[in-house]
Amino acid sequence: MRWLRGGPDGNEQLTAATGVVLLVLLAALGITILRIGQLISEHLFLGLLLLGPVGLKMATTGYRFVRYYTRHAEYVRRGPPELWLRLLGPAVVFSTLGVFATGVWLLIVGPAQRNPALLLHKVTFIVWGVVTGLHVLGHLAQMPRALRAPSLDGTGLGGGQAGRAGRGLALAAAIVAGLVLAIALIPDFSSWTSGMSSFHHG
């Protein structure tokens, strides 16, 4: 798989690039939360679009986790993240799964049957916001370095350019996958767009 080339450096680059995309999309999603009554369609669309990059981010961090704990030499030499970030990791993963799963649940059931999905969505969103904010702060200083292309691929033969192209393709595919899903489910937004007069997102 070409997107895996580059060893720990390539993995770190793809993770960081995906993180930048997520920050932009999440900032836009945050704006919709402030005016959820008027921007519910945009909120739903962005939430679904995010599923692609979120899935890729989990895949790259999960890959690093597996490679390190299965004692792959390159990843062992690089070492694990700081202890507090490792302890925070499970909370980030489970709260992310929770907030997106409950969001999809709400889309399916519609505003008329929004409880208890709405309560769970709010709770997981609060937890997710706190732990993800800490996670971002913990990695922010490393991001500029991580975004630079590695000089070597996993073979050590200078194939970083090919690996970089593969990682770019993987990120583009994740964005397109989320976009296709969001577009495909636009007809399901109607129950929310027609029923938002009595709905308030906490």
N, C-alpha and C. Protein backbone atom coordinates (compact mmCIF):
# COMPACT_ATOMS: atom_id res chain seq x y z
N MET A 1 0.85 -1.20 0.00
CA MET A 1 0.00 0.00 0.00
C MET A 1 0.89 1.25 0.00
N ARG A 2 0.76 2.06 -1.06
CA ARG A 2 1.68 3.17 -1.25
C ARG A 2 1.57 4.22 -0.13
N TRP A 3 0.40 4.39 0.47
CA TRP A 3 0.27 5.43 1.50
C TRP A 3 1.00 5.07 2.78
N LEU A 4 1.42 3.79 2.91
CA LEU A 4 2.14 3.37 4.10
C LEU A 4 3.64 3.57 3.95
N ARG A 5 4.11 3.94 2.76
CA ARG A 5 5.53 4.15 2.57
C ARG A 5 6.02 5.33 3.40
N GLY A 6 7.29 5.26 3.78
CA GLY A 6 7.88 6.36 4.54
C GLY A 6 8.09 6.02 5.99
N GLY A 7 7.69 4.83 6.42
CA GLY A 7 7.91 4.43 7.80
C GLY A 7 7.22 5.39 8.77
N PRO A 8 7.82 5.59 9.95
CA PRO A 8 7.21 6.48 10.94
C PRO A 8 7.05 7.91 10.42
N ASP A 9 8.02 8.39 9.62
CA ASP A 9 7.91 9.75 9.08
C ASP A 9 6.71 9.89 8.15
N GLY A 10 6.53 8.90 7.26
CA GLY A 10 5.40 8.94 6.35
C GLY A 10 4.08 8.85 7.08
N ASN A 11 4.02 7.98 8.08
CA ASN A 11 2.81 7.86 8.90
C ASN A 11 2.51 9.17 9.61
N GLU A 12 3.54 9.79 10.15
CA GLU A 12 3.37 11.05 10.87
C GLU A 12 2.90 12.15 9.92
N GLN A 13 3.45 12.16 8.70
CA GLN A 13 3.06 13.18 7.74
C GLN A 13 1.59 13.05 7.35
N LEU A 14 1.15 11.82 7.06
CA LEU A 14 -0.24 11.61 6.68
C LEU A 14 -1.18 11.94 7.84
N THR A 15 -0.78 11.56 9.05
CA THR A 15 -1.59 11.88 10.23
C THR A 15 -1.73 13.38 10.41
N ALA A 16 -0.60 14.10 10.24
CA ALA A 16 -0.63 15.55 10.42
C ALA A 16 -1.45 16.23 9.32
N ALA A 17 -1.28 15.78 8.07
CA ALA A 17 -2.04 16.38 6.97
C ALA A 17 -3.54 16.15 7.16
N THR A 18 -3.90 14.95 7.61
CA THR A 18 -5.31 14.66 7.89
C THR A 18 -5.80 15.53 9.03
N GLY A 19 -4.95 15.75 10.02
CA GLY A 19 -5.31 16.61 11.14
C GLY A 19 -5.60 18.04 10.71
N VAL A 20 -4.83 18.56 9.75
CA VAL A 20 -5.08 19.91 9.25
C VAL A 20 -6.45 19.98 8.57
N VAL A 21 -6.76 18.99 7.74
CA VAL A 21 -8.07 18.95 7.09
C VAL A 21 -9.18 18.91 8.13
N LEU A 22 -8.98 18.09 9.16
CA LEU A 22 -10.00 17.98 10.21
C LEU A 22 -10.19 19.29 10.95
N LEU A 23 -9.10 20.01 11.22
CA LEU A 23 -9.22 21.29 11.92
C LEU A 23 -10.05 22.28 11.12
N VAL A 24 -9.83 22.32 9.81
CA VAL A 24 -10.59 23.24 8.96
C VAL A 24 -12.07 22.86 8.95
N LEU A 25 -12.34 21.57 8.75
CA LEU A 25 -13.74 21.13 8.69
C LEU A 25 -14.43 21.28 10.04
N LEU A 26 -13.71 21.01 11.11
CA LEU A 26 -14.31 21.15 12.44
C LEU A 26 -14.57 22.61 12.79
N ALA A 27 -13.71 23.51 12.33
CA ALA A 27 -13.98 24.94 12.54
C ALA A 27 -15.27 25.34 11.84
N ALA A 28 -15.46 24.84 10.61
CA ALA A 28 -16.70 25.13 9.89
C ALA A 28 -17.90 24.52 10.61
N LEU A 29 -17.72 23.31 11.12
CA LEU A 29 -18.80 22.65 11.86
C LEU A 29 -19.16 23.44 13.11
N GLY A 30 -18.14 23.99 13.77
CA GLY A 30 -18.38 24.79 14.96
C GLY A 30 -19.24 26.01 14.67
N ILE A 31 -19.04 26.61 13.51
CA ILE A 31 -19.86 27.77 13.13
C ILE A 31 -21.33 27.36 13.00
N THR A 32 -21.56 26.18 12.43
CA THR A 32 -22.95 25.73 12.27
C THR A 32 -23.61 25.47 13.62
N ILE A 33 -22.83 25.06 14.61
CA ILE A 33 -23.40 24.80 15.93
C ILE A 33 -23.92 26.10 16.55
N LEU A 34 -23.22 27.20 16.30
CA LEU A 34 -23.63 28.49 16.86
C LEU A 34 -24.98 28.95 16.32
N ARG A 35 -25.32 28.52 15.10
CA ARG A 35 -26.60 28.89 14.48
C ARG A 35 -27.29 27.65 13.95
N ILE A 36 -27.45 26.65 14.84
CA ILE A 36 -27.92 25.34 14.39
C ILE A 36 -29.31 25.40 13.77
N GLY A 37 -30.16 26.31 14.26
CA GLY A 37 -31.51 26.40 13.71
C GLY A 37 -31.52 26.79 12.25
N GLN A 38 -30.60 27.70 11.86
CA GLN A 38 -30.53 28.17 10.48
C GLN A 38 -29.58 27.32 9.63
N LEU A 39 -28.64 26.65 10.26
CA LEU A 39 -27.58 25.95 9.52
C LEU A 39 -27.60 24.43 9.75
N ILE A 40 -28.79 23.88 10.00
CA ILE A 40 -28.87 22.45 10.28
C ILE A 40 -28.42 21.61 9.07
N SER A 41 -28.78 22.02 7.86
CA SER A 41 -28.37 21.27 6.67
C SER A 41 -26.85 21.25 6.54
N GLU A 42 -26.23 22.41 6.76
CA GLU A 42 -24.77 22.49 6.68
C GLU A 42 -24.12 21.66 7.79
N HIS A 43 -24.75 21.66 8.97
CA HIS A 43 -24.23 20.88 10.09
C HIS A 43 -24.25 19.38 9.75
N LEU A 44 -25.35 18.91 9.23
CA LEU A 44 -25.47 17.50 8.86
C LEU A 44 -24.49 17.15 7.74
N PHE A 45 -24.38 18.02 6.75
CA PHE A 45 -23.49 17.75 5.62
C PHE A 45 -22.04 17.66 6.07
N LEU A 46 -21.61 18.61 6.87
CA LEU A 46 -20.23 18.61 7.34
C LEU A 46 -19.95 17.43 8.26
N GLY A 47 -20.93 17.07 9.10
CA GLY A 47 -20.75 15.92 9.97
C GLY A 47 -20.52 14.65 9.20
N LEU A 48 -21.26 14.46 8.11
CA LEU A 48 -21.08 13.28 7.27
C LEU A 48 -19.78 13.36 6.48
N LEU A 49 -19.45 14.53 5.98
CA LEU A 49 -18.19 14.71 5.25
C LEU A 49 -16.99 14.36 6.12
N LEU A 50 -17.08 14.70 7.39
CA LEU A 50 -15.97 14.45 8.33
C LEU A 50 -15.70 12.96 8.53
N LEU A 51 -16.66 12.11 8.27
CA LEU A 51 -16.48 10.69 8.53
C LEU A 51 -15.30 10.11 7.75
N GLY A 52 -15.07 10.58 6.53
CA GLY A 52 -13.95 10.08 5.75
C GLY A 52 -12.61 10.43 6.37
N PRO A 53 -12.30 11.73 6.58
CA PRO A 53 -11.03 12.08 7.22
C PRO A 53 -10.88 11.54 8.64
N VAL A 54 -11.98 11.49 9.41
CA VAL A 54 -11.90 10.92 10.75
C VAL A 54 -11.48 9.45 10.68
N GLY A 55 -12.07 8.71 9.75
CA GLY A 55 -11.70 7.31 9.59
C GLY A 55 -10.23 7.14 9.22
N LEU A 56 -9.73 8.01 8.33
CA LEU A 56 -8.32 7.94 7.94
C LEU A 56 -7.42 8.28 9.12
N LYS A 57 -7.78 9.29 9.90
CA LYS A 57 -6.98 9.67 11.08
C LYS A 57 -6.88 8.51 12.06
N MET A 58 -7.99 7.83 12.29
CA MET A 58 -7.96 6.68 13.19
C MET A 58 -7.11 5.55 12.61
N ALA A 59 -7.16 5.40 11.29
CA ALA A 59 -6.37 4.34 10.65
C ALA A 59 -4.88 4.60 10.79
N THR A 60 -4.45 5.85 10.58
CA THR A 60 -3.02 6.14 10.65
C THR A 60 -2.49 6.05 12.08
N THR A 61 -3.26 6.57 13.05
CA THR A 61 -2.82 6.47 14.43
C THR A 61 -2.89 5.02 14.93
N GLY A 62 -3.91 4.30 14.50
CA GLY A 62 -4.01 2.88 14.86
C GLY A 62 -2.86 2.07 14.28
N TYR A 63 -2.46 2.41 13.05
CA TYR A 63 -1.34 1.72 12.41
C TYR A 63 -0.05 1.95 13.20
N ARG A 64 0.18 3.19 13.60
CA ARG A 64 1.37 3.48 14.41
C ARG A 64 1.33 2.71 15.72
N PHE A 65 0.18 2.68 16.35
CA PHE A 65 0.01 1.96 17.61
C PHE A 65 0.38 0.48 17.44
N VAL A 66 -0.17 -0.15 16.41
CA VAL A 66 0.08 -1.58 16.18
C VAL A 66 1.55 -1.83 15.87
N ARG A 67 2.15 -1.00 15.01
CA ARG A 67 3.54 -1.20 14.63
C ARG A 67 4.48 -1.04 15.82
N TYR A 68 4.16 -0.09 16.71
CA TYR A 68 5.02 0.11 17.88
C TYR A 68 4.90 -1.07 18.85
N TYR A 69 3.68 -1.47 19.14
CA TYR A 69 3.49 -2.52 20.16
C TYR A 69 3.73 -3.92 19.63
N THR A 70 3.88 -4.06 18.30
CA THR A 70 4.35 -5.34 17.76
C THR A 70 5.85 -5.28 17.52
N ARG A 71 6.49 -4.24 18.04
CA ARG A 71 7.95 -4.11 18.11
C ARG A 71 8.61 -4.00 16.74
N HIS A 72 7.97 -3.31 15.80
CA HIS A 72 8.62 -3.03 14.52
C HIS A 72 9.74 -2.04 14.77
N ALA A 73 10.94 -2.35 14.25
CA ALA A 73 12.15 -1.64 14.65
C ALA A 73 12.07 -0.13 14.44
N GLU A 74 11.58 0.31 13.27
CA GLU A 74 11.53 1.74 12.98
C GLU A 74 10.64 2.48 13.96
N TYR A 75 9.52 1.89 14.31
CA TYR A 75 8.57 2.55 15.20
C TYR A 75 9.05 2.50 16.65
N VAL A 76 9.76 1.44 17.01
CA VAL A 76 10.34 1.37 18.34
C VAL A 76 11.41 2.44 18.51
N ARG A 77 12.25 2.63 17.46
CA ARG A 77 13.28 3.66 17.53
C ARG A 77 12.67 5.05 17.65
N ARG A 78 11.58 5.29 16.95
CA ARG A 78 10.93 6.60 17.04
C ARG A 78 10.34 6.82 18.43
N GLY A 79 9.86 5.76 19.05
CA GLY A 79 9.30 5.85 20.39
C GLY A 79 7.82 6.24 20.36
N PRO A 80 7.15 6.08 21.48
CA PRO A 80 5.73 6.40 21.58
C PRO A 80 5.51 7.88 21.82
N PRO A 81 4.29 8.38 21.68
CA PRO A 81 3.99 9.76 22.10
C PRO A 81 4.20 9.90 23.61
N GLU A 82 4.12 11.12 24.07
CA GLU A 82 4.25 11.36 25.51
C GLU A 82 3.18 10.58 26.26
N LEU A 83 3.50 10.24 27.52
CA LEU A 83 2.62 9.39 28.31
C LEU A 83 1.22 9.98 28.42
N TRP A 84 1.11 11.27 28.68
CA TRP A 84 -0.22 11.86 28.87
C TRP A 84 -1.05 11.79 27.60
N LEU A 85 -0.38 11.88 26.43
CA LEU A 85 -1.10 11.74 25.18
C LEU A 85 -1.56 10.31 24.94
N ARG A 86 -0.75 9.35 25.36
CA ARG A 86 -1.16 7.95 25.25
C ARG A 86 -2.34 7.64 26.16
N LEU A 87 -2.33 8.23 27.36
CA LEU A 87 -3.44 8.01 28.29
C LEU A 87 -4.72 8.68 27.77
N LEU A 88 -4.54 9.80 27.06
CA LEU A 88 -5.69 10.52 26.51
C LEU A 88 -6.27 9.82 25.28
N GLY A 89 -5.45 9.03 24.61
CA GLY A 89 -5.84 8.41 23.35
C GLY A 89 -7.17 7.67 23.37
N PRO A 90 -7.38 6.74 24.32
CA PRO A 90 -8.66 6.01 24.33
C PRO A 90 -9.87 6.93 24.49
N ALA A 91 -9.74 8.00 25.28
CA ALA A 91 -10.86 8.94 25.44
C ALA A 91 -11.15 9.65 24.13
N VAL A 92 -10.10 10.00 23.37
CA VAL A 92 -10.30 10.64 22.07
C VAL A 92 -11.01 9.68 21.12
N VAL A 93 -10.56 8.44 21.07
CA VAL A 93 -11.14 7.46 20.15
C VAL A 93 -12.60 7.20 20.48
N PHE A 94 -12.89 6.89 21.74
CA PHE A 94 -14.25 6.50 22.10
C PHE A 94 -15.22 7.68 22.05
N SER A 95 -14.76 8.87 22.42
CA SER A 95 -15.66 10.03 22.33
C SER A 95 -15.91 10.41 20.87
N THR A 96 -14.89 10.22 20.01
CA THR A 96 -15.09 10.47 18.58
C THR A 96 -16.11 9.51 18.00
N LEU A 97 -15.95 8.23 18.31
CA LEU A 97 -16.93 7.24 17.86
C LEU A 97 -18.32 7.58 18.39
N GLY A 98 -18.39 8.01 19.64
CA GLY A 98 -19.68 8.32 20.26
C GLY A 98 -20.37 9.50 19.61
N VAL A 99 -19.63 10.59 19.38
CA VAL A 99 -20.27 11.79 18.84
C VAL A 99 -20.72 11.58 17.40
N PHE A 100 -19.95 10.84 16.62
CA PHE A 100 -20.36 10.62 15.23
C PHE A 100 -21.45 9.55 15.13
N ALA A 101 -21.36 8.53 15.95
CA ALA A 101 -22.39 7.49 15.93
C ALA A 101 -23.75 8.05 16.35
N THR A 102 -23.76 8.88 17.39
CA THR A 102 -25.03 9.47 17.82
C THR A 102 -25.53 10.49 16.81
N GLY A 103 -24.61 11.17 16.11
CA GLY A 103 -25.02 12.09 15.06
C GLY A 103 -25.73 11.37 13.92
N VAL A 104 -25.18 10.24 13.50
CA VAL A 104 -25.81 9.44 12.45
C VAL A 104 -27.15 8.89 12.95
N TRP A 105 -27.19 8.47 14.20
CA TRP A 105 -28.43 7.99 14.82
C TRP A 105 -29.51 9.06 14.75
N LEU A 106 -29.14 10.29 15.09
CA LEU A 106 -30.11 11.40 15.03
C LEU A 106 -30.60 11.64 13.61
N LEU A 107 -29.70 11.54 12.65
CA LEU A 107 -30.11 11.72 11.26
C LEU A 107 -31.13 10.66 10.86
N ILE A 108 -30.93 9.45 11.32
CA ILE A 108 -31.83 8.34 10.96
C ILE A 108 -33.21 8.50 11.60
N VAL A 109 -33.23 8.81 12.90
CA VAL A 109 -34.53 8.82 13.61
C VAL A 109 -35.30 10.11 13.40
N GLY A 110 -34.61 11.22 13.08
CA GLY A 110 -35.29 12.49 12.86
C GLY A 110 -35.63 13.20 14.16
N PRO A 111 -36.06 14.47 14.08
CA PRO A 111 -36.31 15.27 15.28
C PRO A 111 -37.47 14.77 16.13
N ALA A 112 -38.42 14.08 15.53
CA ALA A 112 -39.59 13.64 16.30
C ALA A 112 -39.22 12.58 17.33
N GLN A 113 -38.16 11.83 17.08
CA GLN A 113 -37.74 10.76 17.99
C GLN A 113 -36.27 10.96 18.40
N ARG A 114 -35.93 12.20 18.67
CA ARG A 114 -34.52 12.52 18.90
C ARG A 114 -33.98 12.10 20.26
N ASN A 115 -34.83 11.81 21.23
CA ASN A 115 -34.35 11.34 22.53
C ASN A 115 -34.38 9.82 22.56
N PRO A 116 -33.36 9.16 23.16
CA PRO A 116 -32.24 9.71 23.92
C PRO A 116 -31.00 10.04 23.09
N ALA A 117 -31.09 9.89 21.76
CA ALA A 117 -29.91 10.11 20.92
C ALA A 117 -29.37 11.53 21.08
N LEU A 118 -30.26 12.51 21.21
CA LEU A 118 -29.83 13.90 21.33
C LEU A 118 -29.02 14.11 22.61
N LEU A 119 -29.51 13.57 23.72
CA LEU A 119 -28.78 13.71 24.98
C LEU A 119 -27.40 13.07 24.89
N LEU A 120 -27.34 11.88 24.33
CA LEU A 120 -26.05 11.20 24.18
C LEU A 120 -25.12 11.97 23.24
N HIS A 121 -25.70 12.57 22.21
CA HIS A 121 -24.90 13.35 21.27
C HIS A 121 -24.30 14.57 21.97
N LYS A 122 -25.09 15.24 22.79
CA LYS A 122 -24.60 16.40 23.52
C LYS A 122 -23.50 16.02 24.51
N VAL A 123 -23.72 14.93 25.27
CA VAL A 123 -22.73 14.51 26.27
C VAL A 123 -21.43 14.10 25.61
N THR A 124 -21.53 13.27 24.57
CA THR A 124 -20.30 12.83 23.90
C THR A 124 -19.60 14.00 23.21
N PHE A 125 -20.38 14.97 22.72
CA PHE A 125 -19.77 16.14 22.09
C PHE A 125 -18.95 16.94 23.10
N ILE A 126 -19.49 17.12 24.29
CA ILE A 126 -18.76 17.88 25.32
C ILE A 126 -17.46 17.17 25.69
N VAL A 127 -17.56 15.86 25.94
CA VAL A 127 -16.36 15.08 26.28
C VAL A 127 -15.37 15.12 25.12
N TRP A 128 -15.88 14.91 23.91
CA TRP A 128 -15.04 14.91 22.73
C TRP A 128 -14.34 16.26 22.54
N GLY A 129 -15.07 17.35 22.75
CA GLY A 129 -14.49 18.67 22.58
C GLY A 129 -13.33 18.91 23.53
N VAL A 130 -13.47 18.48 24.77
CA VAL A 130 -12.42 18.68 25.77
C VAL A 130 -11.18 17.84 25.43
N VAL A 131 -11.38 16.54 25.24
CA VAL A 131 -10.22 15.65 25.04
C VAL A 131 -9.56 15.90 23.68
N THR A 132 -10.35 16.23 22.67
CA THR A 132 -9.77 16.51 21.35
C THR A 132 -9.00 17.83 21.38
N GLY A 133 -9.51 18.82 22.11
CA GLY A 133 -8.77 20.07 22.26
C GLY A 133 -7.41 19.84 22.90
N LEU A 134 -7.36 19.03 23.94
CA LEU A 134 -6.09 18.70 24.58
C LEU A 134 -5.17 17.92 23.64
N HIS A 135 -5.77 17.01 22.88
CA HIS A 135 -5.02 16.23 21.91
C HIS A 135 -4.37 17.13 20.85
N VAL A 136 -5.13 18.08 20.34
CA VAL A 136 -4.61 19.00 19.33
C VAL A 136 -3.48 19.85 19.91
N LEU A 137 -3.68 20.37 21.11
CA LEU A 137 -2.64 21.19 21.75
C LEU A 137 -1.36 20.38 21.96
N GLY A 138 -1.51 19.10 22.29
CA GLY A 138 -0.35 18.25 22.52
C GLY A 138 0.47 17.99 21.28
N HIS A 139 -0.16 18.09 20.11
CA HIS A 139 0.53 17.78 18.85
C HIS A 139 0.81 19.02 18.00
N LEU A 140 0.32 20.18 18.42
CA LEU A 140 0.38 21.37 17.58
C LEU A 140 1.82 21.77 17.24
N ALA A 141 2.70 21.70 18.23
CA ALA A 141 4.08 22.13 18.01
C ALA A 141 4.81 21.23 17.02
N GLN A 142 4.42 19.96 16.94
CA GLN A 142 5.08 19.01 16.06
C GLN A 142 4.55 19.07 14.62
N MET A 143 3.42 19.73 14.42
CA MET A 143 2.74 19.64 13.12
C MET A 143 3.57 20.19 11.95
N PRO A 144 4.22 21.36 12.07
CA PRO A 144 5.00 21.85 10.92
C PRO A 144 6.08 20.86 10.47
N ARG A 145 6.78 20.26 11.42
CA ARG A 145 7.82 19.29 11.07
C ARG A 145 7.20 18.04 10.45
N ALA A 146 6.09 17.60 11.02
CA ALA A 146 5.45 16.37 10.54
C ALA A 146 4.93 16.52 9.12
N LEU A 147 4.54 17.73 8.74
CA LEU A 147 3.98 17.94 7.41
C LEU A 147 5.03 17.89 6.30
N ARG A 148 6.31 18.04 6.67
CA ARG A 148 7.35 17.95 5.66
C ARG A 148 7.49 16.52 5.18
N ALA A 149 7.70 16.36 3.89
CA ALA A 149 7.80 15.01 3.30
C ALA A 149 9.04 14.31 3.82
N PRO A 150 8.96 13.02 4.19
CA PRO A 150 10.14 12.26 4.57
C PRO A 150 11.06 12.06 3.39
N SER A 151 12.34 11.98 3.66
CA SER A 151 13.31 11.84 2.57
C SER A 151 13.39 10.42 2.04
N LEU A 152 13.00 9.44 2.87
CA LEU A 152 13.10 8.05 2.48
C LEU A 152 11.79 7.33 2.68
N ASP A 153 11.56 6.32 1.86
CA ASP A 153 10.39 5.49 2.14
C ASP A 153 10.82 4.33 3.03
N GLY A 154 9.91 3.40 3.27
CA GLY A 154 10.19 2.31 4.20
C GLY A 154 11.33 1.42 3.76
N THR A 155 11.74 1.44 2.49
CA THR A 155 12.84 0.60 2.03
C THR A 155 14.18 1.24 2.26
N GLY A 156 14.18 2.55 2.56
CA GLY A 156 15.44 3.24 2.73
C GLY A 156 16.11 3.56 1.41
N LEU A 157 15.40 3.53 0.30
CA LEU A 157 16.00 3.72 -1.02
C LEU A 157 15.62 5.04 -1.67
N GLY A 158 15.15 5.96 -0.85
CA GLY A 158 14.87 7.28 -1.40
C GLY A 158 13.58 7.38 -2.16
N GLY A 159 12.60 6.59 -1.82
CA GLY A 159 11.33 6.61 -2.55
C GLY A 159 10.28 7.48 -1.91
N GLY A 160 10.72 8.49 -1.15
CA GLY A 160 9.77 9.31 -0.42
C GLY A 160 8.77 10.03 -1.30
N GLN A 161 9.21 10.42 -2.52
CA GLN A 161 8.30 11.12 -3.43
C GLN A 161 7.10 10.26 -3.78
N ALA A 162 7.35 8.98 -4.10
CA ALA A 162 6.24 8.07 -4.41
C ALA A 162 5.35 7.87 -3.19
N GLY A 163 5.98 7.75 -2.05
CA GLY A 163 5.20 7.59 -0.83
C GLY A 163 4.34 8.81 -0.56
N ARG A 164 4.90 9.99 -0.83
CA ARG A 164 4.14 11.22 -0.61
C ARG A 164 2.93 11.27 -1.52
N ALA A 165 3.10 10.87 -2.77
CA ALA A 165 1.97 10.85 -3.71
C ALA A 165 0.89 9.90 -3.22
N GLY A 166 1.29 8.75 -2.70
CA GLY A 166 0.33 7.79 -2.18
C GLY A 166 -0.42 8.32 -0.98
N ARG A 167 0.28 9.04 -0.13
CA ARG A 167 -0.38 9.61 1.05
C ARG A 167 -1.35 10.71 0.64
N GLY A 168 -0.96 11.51 -0.35
CA GLY A 168 -1.88 12.52 -0.86
C GLY A 168 -3.14 11.90 -1.44
N LEU A 169 -2.95 10.79 -2.15
CA LEU A 169 -4.09 10.09 -2.73
C LEU A 169 -5.00 9.52 -1.64
N ALA A 170 -4.40 9.00 -0.58
CA ALA A 170 -5.20 8.44 0.52
C ALA A 170 -6.04 9.53 1.18
N LEU A 171 -5.44 10.71 1.38
CA LEU A 171 -6.18 11.81 2.01
C LEU A 171 -7.30 12.30 1.09
N ALA A 172 -6.99 12.43 -0.20
CA ALA A 172 -8.01 12.85 -1.15
C ALA A 172 -9.16 11.85 -1.21
N ALA A 173 -8.82 10.56 -1.18
CA ALA A 173 -9.86 9.52 -1.22
C ALA A 173 -10.76 9.59 0.01
N ALA A 174 -10.17 9.87 1.18
CA ALA A 174 -10.96 9.98 2.40
C ALA A 174 -11.93 11.15 2.32
N ILE A 175 -11.46 12.27 1.79
CA ILE A 175 -12.32 13.44 1.65
C ILE A 175 -13.45 13.16 0.66
N VAL A 176 -13.10 12.55 -0.47
CA VAL A 176 -14.11 12.24 -1.49
C VAL A 176 -15.14 11.25 -0.95
N ALA A 177 -14.68 10.26 -0.18
CA ALA A 177 -15.60 9.28 0.39
C ALA A 177 -16.62 9.97 1.31
N GLY A 178 -16.12 10.88 2.17
CA GLY A 178 -17.04 11.62 3.03
C GLY A 178 -17.97 12.50 2.24
N LEU A 179 -17.46 13.12 1.18
CA LEU A 179 -18.27 13.99 0.34
C LEU A 179 -19.38 13.21 -0.37
N VAL A 180 -19.02 12.05 -0.90
CA VAL A 180 -20.02 11.22 -1.59
C VAL A 180 -21.11 10.79 -0.61
N LEU A 181 -20.71 10.39 0.60
CA LEU A 181 -21.70 9.98 1.60
C LEU A 181 -22.63 11.13 1.96
N ALA A 182 -22.04 12.32 2.16
CA ALA A 182 -22.85 13.48 2.53
C ALA A 182 -23.85 13.83 1.43
N ILE A 183 -23.39 13.81 0.19
CA ILE A 183 -24.28 14.14 -0.93
C ILE A 183 -25.39 13.10 -1.06
N ALA A 184 -25.02 11.83 -0.90
CA ALA A 184 -26.01 10.75 -1.04
C ALA A 184 -27.11 10.85 0.00
N LEU A 185 -26.79 11.38 1.18
CA LEU A 185 -27.77 11.42 2.27
C LEU A 185 -28.49 12.76 2.40
N ILE A 186 -28.24 13.69 1.47
CA ILE A 186 -28.94 14.98 1.53
C ILE A 186 -30.47 14.82 1.60
N PRO A 187 -31.07 13.89 0.84
CA PRO A 187 -32.54 13.74 0.96
C PRO A 187 -33.01 13.43 2.37
N ASP A 188 -32.15 12.80 3.19
CA ASP A 188 -32.54 12.47 4.56
C ASP A 188 -32.50 13.67 5.49
N PHE A 189 -32.00 14.80 5.01
CA PHE A 189 -31.96 16.00 5.85
C PHE A 189 -33.35 16.62 6.01
N SER A 190 -34.29 16.24 5.15
CA SER A 190 -35.57 16.95 5.07
C SER A 190 -36.34 16.94 6.38
N SER A 191 -36.28 15.82 7.12
CA SER A 191 -37.03 15.77 8.38
C SER A 191 -36.50 16.79 9.37
N TRP A 192 -35.21 17.06 9.29
CA TRP A 192 -34.62 18.04 10.20
C TRP A 192 -34.84 19.46 9.72
N THR A 193 -34.71 19.70 8.44
CA THR A 193 -34.87 21.05 7.93
C THR A 193 -36.32 21.53 8.06
N SER A 194 -37.27 20.60 8.04
CA SER A 194 -38.68 20.99 8.16
C SER A 194 -39.15 21.01 9.61
N GLY A 195 -38.33 20.46 10.51
CA GLY A 195 -38.78 20.37 11.90
C GLY A 195 -37.92 21.14 12.88
N MET A 196 -37.09 22.08 12.38
CA MET A 196 -36.15 22.77 13.26
C MET A 196 -36.76 23.94 14.03
N SER A 197 -37.98 24.31 13.74
CA SER A 197 -38.55 25.46 14.44
C SER A 197 -38.67 25.23 15.94
N SER A 198 -38.79 23.95 16.33
CA SER A 198 -38.92 23.67 17.76
C SER A 198 -37.67 23.01 18.33
N PHE A 199 -36.59 22.98 17.53
CA PHE A 199 -35.39 22.28 17.96
C PHE A 199 -34.31 23.26 18.34
N HIS A 200 -33.65 23.03 19.45
CA HIS A 200 -32.53 23.88 19.88
C HIS A 200 -31.39 22.98 20.32
N HIS A 201 -30.22 23.19 19.73
CA HIS A 201 -29.02 22.43 20.08
C HIS A 201 -28.35 23.15 21.22
N GLY A 202 -28.21 22.47 22.38
CA GLY A 202 -27.84 23.09 23.63
C GLY A 202 -26.71 24.06 23.56
